[in-house]
Amino acid sequence: MKKVLVMIATVMSLGNGIMEAATSALPINGTNYVYATDGYSKIEIKDIPEKVMQAVEKENPGCYFFEAYIGYQGGQTVYKIELIDQAGESFFIVVNDKGESIK
């Protein structure tokens, strides 16, 4: 019984360490980003380039920026942005550094 309890405690502590590592802040260019498990790092809305902001606003008029993430696909910088429409529904879009939608 004692071995079982020790084994459970060990597994739980390993699981907590893995989860903590997956969501810890990583310093990139002097800014702390929170690493998301889908390969994107959370950024502040103000850190989205103006060109990207304008393109997203043009394609999604009346929507509000809620959260933003940065990542890399095919050697290019991409942004995963959560928007909220006028009905209060949230949705994600993924765009490159020019603001072009990526499917």
N, C-alpha and C. Protein backbone atom coordinates (compact mmCIF):
# COMPACT_ATOMS: atom_id res chain seq x y z
N MET A 1 0.82 -1.19 0.00
CA MET A 1 0.00 0.00 0.00
C MET A 1 0.87 1.26 0.00
N LYS A 2 1.93 1.20 0.79
CA LYS A 2 2.82 2.35 0.88
C LYS A 2 3.46 2.65 -0.49
N LYS A 3 3.83 1.58 -1.23
CA LYS A 3 4.43 1.76 -2.55
C LYS A 3 3.44 2.41 -3.51
N VAL A 4 2.17 2.05 -3.39
CA VAL A 4 1.14 2.60 -4.27
C VAL A 4 0.99 4.10 -4.01
N LEU A 5 0.98 4.50 -2.75
CA LEU A 5 0.86 5.91 -2.41
C LEU A 5 2.06 6.71 -2.91
N VAL A 6 3.25 6.15 -2.77
CA VAL A 6 4.46 6.82 -3.25
C VAL A 6 4.39 6.96 -4.77
N MET A 7 3.93 5.91 -5.46
CA MET A 7 3.82 5.95 -6.91
C MET A 7 2.81 7.02 -7.35
N ILE A 8 1.68 7.12 -6.69
CA ILE A 8 0.66 8.13 -7.02
C ILE A 8 1.22 9.53 -6.81
N ALA A 9 1.90 9.75 -5.69
CA ALA A 9 2.48 11.06 -5.40
C ALA A 9 3.52 11.44 -6.45
N THR A 10 4.32 10.48 -6.89
CA THR A 10 5.34 10.73 -7.92
C THR A 10 4.69 11.11 -9.24
N VAL A 11 3.68 10.37 -9.65
CA VAL A 11 3.00 10.65 -10.91
C VAL A 11 2.33 12.02 -10.87
N MET A 12 1.71 12.36 -9.77
CA MET A 12 1.04 13.66 -9.65
C MET A 12 2.05 14.80 -9.72
N SER A 13 3.19 14.65 -9.06
CA SER A 13 4.18 15.73 -9.09
C SER A 13 4.79 15.88 -10.48
N LEU A 14 4.97 14.78 -11.20
CA LEU A 14 5.48 14.87 -12.57
C LEU A 14 4.46 15.56 -13.47
N GLY A 15 3.20 15.23 -13.32
CA GLY A 15 2.15 15.86 -14.12
C GLY A 15 2.08 17.35 -13.88
N ASN A 16 2.20 17.78 -12.63
CA ASN A 16 2.17 19.20 -12.32
C ASN A 16 3.37 19.92 -12.92
N GLY A 17 4.52 19.30 -12.90
CA GLY A 17 5.71 19.90 -13.48
C GLY A 17 5.59 20.07 -14.98
N ILE A 18 5.01 19.09 -15.64
CA ILE A 18 4.82 19.17 -17.09
C ILE A 18 3.85 20.28 -17.42
N MET A 19 2.74 20.38 -16.71
CA MET A 19 1.76 21.43 -16.97
C MET A 19 2.34 22.81 -16.71
N GLU A 20 3.13 22.93 -15.67
CA GLU A 20 3.74 24.21 -15.36
C GLU A 20 4.72 24.61 -16.45
N ALA A 21 5.49 23.67 -16.96
CA ALA A 21 6.43 23.96 -18.03
C ALA A 21 5.71 24.35 -19.31
N ALA A 22 4.57 23.76 -19.57
CA ALA A 22 3.83 24.04 -20.80
C ALA A 22 3.18 25.42 -20.79
N THR A 23 2.98 25.98 -19.61
CA THR A 23 2.30 27.27 -19.54
C THR A 23 3.16 28.37 -18.92
N SER A 24 4.45 28.13 -18.79
CA SER A 24 5.29 29.13 -18.15
C SER A 24 5.61 30.27 -19.11
N ALA A 25 6.01 31.38 -18.53
CA ALA A 25 6.34 32.56 -19.35
C ALA A 25 7.73 32.38 -19.93
N LEU A 26 7.86 32.64 -21.21
CA LEU A 26 9.14 32.54 -21.90
C LEU A 26 9.57 33.93 -22.36
N PRO A 27 10.75 34.38 -21.98
CA PRO A 27 11.19 35.70 -22.46
C PRO A 27 11.63 35.64 -23.92
N ILE A 28 11.01 36.45 -24.77
CA ILE A 28 11.37 36.55 -26.18
C ILE A 28 11.49 38.04 -26.49
N ASN A 29 12.65 38.46 -26.93
CA ASN A 29 12.89 39.88 -27.24
C ASN A 29 12.50 40.79 -26.08
N GLY A 30 12.79 40.38 -24.86
CA GLY A 30 12.52 41.22 -23.71
C GLY A 30 11.07 41.21 -23.23
N THR A 31 10.20 40.45 -23.90
CA THR A 31 8.80 40.38 -23.51
C THR A 31 8.49 38.97 -23.05
N ASN A 32 7.72 38.83 -21.99
CA ASN A 32 7.33 37.51 -21.53
C ASN A 32 6.07 37.07 -22.25
N TYR A 33 6.16 35.93 -22.93
CA TYR A 33 5.02 35.35 -23.60
C TYR A 33 4.64 34.07 -22.87
N VAL A 34 3.36 33.79 -22.79
CA VAL A 34 2.92 32.53 -22.20
C VAL A 34 2.77 31.53 -23.33
N TYR A 35 3.47 30.42 -23.21
CA TYR A 35 3.45 29.41 -24.25
C TYR A 35 2.14 28.63 -24.17
N ALA A 36 1.42 28.60 -25.27
CA ALA A 36 0.17 27.84 -25.34
C ALA A 36 0.49 26.45 -25.89
N THR A 37 -0.30 25.48 -25.51
CA THR A 37 -0.01 24.11 -25.91
C THR A 37 -0.20 23.86 -27.39
N ASP A 38 -0.86 24.75 -28.13
CA ASP A 38 -1.04 24.54 -29.57
C ASP A 38 0.09 25.15 -30.40
N GLY A 39 1.18 25.54 -29.77
CA GLY A 39 2.32 26.07 -30.49
C GLY A 39 2.36 27.57 -30.62
N TYR A 40 1.38 28.26 -30.09
CA TYR A 40 1.34 29.71 -30.14
C TYR A 40 1.68 30.27 -28.76
N SER A 41 2.24 31.47 -28.76
CA SER A 41 2.56 32.17 -27.51
C SER A 41 1.64 33.38 -27.39
N LYS A 42 1.05 33.56 -26.22
CA LYS A 42 0.12 34.67 -26.02
C LYS A 42 0.88 36.00 -26.03
N ILE A 43 0.29 36.98 -26.70
CA ILE A 43 0.86 38.33 -26.73
C ILE A 43 -0.24 39.32 -26.39
N GLU A 44 0.16 40.53 -26.11
CA GLU A 44 -0.81 41.60 -25.87
C GLU A 44 -1.35 42.09 -27.21
N ILE A 45 -2.58 42.56 -27.21
CA ILE A 45 -3.20 43.09 -28.43
C ILE A 45 -2.34 44.22 -29.00
N LYS A 46 -1.79 45.04 -28.13
CA LYS A 46 -0.97 46.18 -28.57
C LYS A 46 0.31 45.73 -29.29
N ASP A 47 0.67 44.45 -29.15
CA ASP A 47 1.89 43.95 -29.79
C ASP A 47 1.64 43.42 -31.21
N ILE A 48 0.38 43.41 -31.65
CA ILE A 48 0.07 43.01 -33.02
C ILE A 48 0.52 44.16 -33.94
N PRO A 49 1.26 43.87 -35.01
CA PRO A 49 1.68 44.94 -35.92
C PRO A 49 0.49 45.69 -36.50
N GLU A 50 0.66 46.99 -36.71
CA GLU A 50 -0.42 47.84 -37.21
C GLU A 50 -0.98 47.33 -38.55
N LYS A 51 -0.09 46.87 -39.43
CA LYS A 51 -0.52 46.35 -40.73
C LYS A 51 -1.48 45.17 -40.55
N VAL A 52 -1.18 44.30 -39.60
CA VAL A 52 -2.04 43.14 -39.33
C VAL A 52 -3.36 43.59 -38.73
N MET A 53 -3.31 44.52 -37.77
CA MET A 53 -4.53 45.04 -37.14
C MET A 53 -5.47 45.62 -38.19
N GLN A 54 -4.93 46.44 -39.07
CA GLN A 54 -5.76 47.09 -40.09
C GLN A 54 -6.39 46.07 -41.04
N ALA A 55 -5.63 45.07 -41.45
CA ALA A 55 -6.16 44.05 -42.36
C ALA A 55 -7.26 43.23 -41.69
N VAL A 56 -7.07 42.88 -40.41
CA VAL A 56 -8.08 42.11 -39.68
C VAL A 56 -9.34 42.94 -39.49
N GLU A 57 -9.19 44.21 -39.13
CA GLU A 57 -10.35 45.08 -38.95
C GLU A 57 -11.12 45.25 -40.26
N LYS A 58 -10.40 45.35 -41.37
CA LYS A 58 -11.05 45.51 -42.67
C LYS A 58 -11.87 44.27 -43.04
N GLU A 59 -11.33 43.09 -42.76
CA GLU A 59 -12.01 41.84 -43.09
C GLU A 59 -13.10 41.46 -42.09
N ASN A 60 -13.06 42.05 -40.90
CA ASN A 60 -14.01 41.71 -39.83
C ASN A 60 -14.55 42.98 -39.20
N PRO A 61 -15.30 43.78 -39.97
CA PRO A 61 -15.79 45.06 -39.44
C PRO A 61 -16.73 44.85 -38.25
N GLY A 62 -16.58 45.71 -37.26
CA GLY A 62 -17.44 45.66 -36.09
C GLY A 62 -17.02 44.65 -35.04
N CYS A 63 -15.95 43.91 -35.29
CA CYS A 63 -15.47 42.92 -34.31
C CYS A 63 -14.45 43.56 -33.37
N TYR A 64 -14.35 42.98 -32.19
CA TYR A 64 -13.42 43.45 -31.17
C TYR A 64 -12.31 42.43 -30.99
N PHE A 65 -11.09 42.90 -30.82
CA PHE A 65 -9.97 42.02 -30.52
C PHE A 65 -10.07 41.60 -29.06
N PHE A 66 -9.98 40.30 -28.80
CA PHE A 66 -10.08 39.80 -27.43
C PHE A 66 -8.73 39.30 -26.92
N GLU A 67 -8.14 38.35 -27.65
CA GLU A 67 -6.82 37.83 -27.29
C GLU A 67 -6.02 37.60 -28.55
N ALA A 68 -4.69 37.55 -28.39
CA ALA A 68 -3.82 37.34 -29.54
C ALA A 68 -2.67 36.41 -29.17
N TYR A 69 -2.24 35.66 -30.17
CA TYR A 69 -1.14 34.72 -30.01
C TYR A 69 -0.23 34.82 -31.22
N ILE A 70 1.04 34.52 -31.04
CA ILE A 70 2.01 34.53 -32.14
C ILE A 70 2.58 33.13 -32.27
N GLY A 71 2.85 32.74 -33.51
CA GLY A 71 3.44 31.44 -33.78
C GLY A 71 4.15 31.47 -35.11
N TYR A 72 4.57 30.30 -35.57
CA TYR A 72 5.31 30.21 -36.82
C TYR A 72 4.80 29.01 -37.61
N GLN A 73 4.54 29.22 -38.89
CA GLN A 73 4.11 28.16 -39.79
C GLN A 73 4.84 28.34 -41.11
N GLY A 74 5.42 27.29 -41.61
CA GLY A 74 6.09 27.35 -42.91
C GLY A 74 7.14 28.43 -43.00
N GLY A 75 7.83 28.70 -41.92
CA GLY A 75 8.88 29.70 -41.92
C GLY A 75 8.42 31.13 -41.84
N GLN A 76 7.13 31.35 -41.59
CA GLN A 76 6.64 32.73 -41.48
C GLN A 76 5.94 32.94 -40.14
N THR A 77 5.94 34.19 -39.71
CA THR A 77 5.26 34.57 -38.49
C THR A 77 3.76 34.61 -38.74
N VAL A 78 3.00 34.00 -37.85
CA VAL A 78 1.54 34.03 -37.97
C VAL A 78 0.94 34.46 -36.64
N TYR A 79 -0.24 35.04 -36.73
CA TYR A 79 -0.96 35.51 -35.55
C TYR A 79 -2.29 34.79 -35.47
N LYS A 80 -2.59 34.23 -34.32
CA LYS A 80 -3.89 33.62 -34.05
C LYS A 80 -4.62 34.62 -33.17
N ILE A 81 -5.71 35.15 -33.69
CA ILE A 81 -6.41 36.24 -33.01
C ILE A 81 -7.83 35.82 -32.69
N GLU A 82 -8.21 36.02 -31.44
CA GLU A 82 -9.60 35.76 -31.04
C GLU A 82 -10.36 37.07 -31.14
N LEU A 83 -11.43 37.04 -31.93
CA LEU A 83 -12.28 38.20 -32.12
C LEU A 83 -13.65 37.94 -31.51
N ILE A 84 -14.35 39.00 -31.18
CA ILE A 84 -15.73 38.91 -30.70
C ILE A 84 -16.58 39.75 -31.63
N ASP A 85 -17.62 39.11 -32.21
CA ASP A 85 -18.47 39.85 -33.14
C ASP A 85 -19.53 40.65 -32.39
N GLN A 86 -20.36 41.36 -33.13
CA GLN A 86 -21.36 42.24 -32.50
C GLN A 86 -22.43 41.47 -31.74
N ALA A 87 -22.59 40.18 -32.04
CA ALA A 87 -23.55 39.35 -31.32
C ALA A 87 -22.95 38.77 -30.04
N GLY A 88 -21.66 39.05 -29.81
CA GLY A 88 -20.99 38.55 -28.61
C GLY A 88 -20.37 37.18 -28.77
N GLU A 89 -20.36 36.65 -30.00
CA GLU A 89 -19.76 35.34 -30.28
C GLU A 89 -18.27 35.52 -30.54
N SER A 90 -17.46 34.62 -29.98
CA SER A 90 -16.02 34.71 -30.22
C SER A 90 -15.62 33.69 -31.28
N PHE A 91 -14.57 34.02 -32.02
CA PHE A 91 -14.03 33.12 -33.03
C PHE A 91 -12.57 33.48 -33.25
N PHE A 92 -11.83 32.51 -33.78
CA PHE A 92 -10.41 32.70 -34.04
C PHE A 92 -10.15 32.85 -35.52
N ILE A 93 -9.17 33.67 -35.86
CA ILE A 93 -8.65 33.75 -37.21
C ILE A 93 -7.13 33.61 -37.12
N VAL A 94 -6.53 33.11 -38.17
CA VAL A 94 -5.07 33.00 -38.24
C VAL A 94 -4.63 33.75 -39.48
N VAL A 95 -3.72 34.70 -39.28
CA VAL A 95 -3.24 35.54 -40.38
C VAL A 95 -1.71 35.58 -40.35
N ASN A 96 -1.13 35.87 -41.52
CA ASN A 96 0.32 36.03 -41.57
C ASN A 96 0.69 37.46 -41.19
N ASP A 97 1.96 37.79 -41.30
CA ASP A 97 2.41 39.12 -40.86
C ASP A 97 2.01 40.24 -41.82
N LYS A 98 1.31 39.89 -42.90
CA LYS A 98 0.75 40.89 -43.82
C LYS A 98 -0.75 41.05 -43.58
N GLY A 99 -1.30 40.23 -42.68
CA GLY A 99 -2.73 40.28 -42.39
C GLY A 99 -3.56 39.40 -43.30
N GLU A 100 -2.90 38.55 -44.09
CA GLU A 100 -3.60 37.65 -45.00
C GLU A 100 -4.03 36.39 -44.25
N SER A 101 -5.26 35.99 -44.47
CA SER A 101 -5.82 34.83 -43.79
C SER A 101 -5.10 33.56 -44.19
N ILE A 102 -4.87 32.70 -43.19
CA ILE A 102 -4.24 31.40 -43.41
C ILE A 102 -5.26 30.34 -43.03
N LYS A 103 -5.47 29.42 -43.89
CA LYS A 103 -6.45 28.35 -43.65
C LYS A 103 -5.83 27.20 -42.95
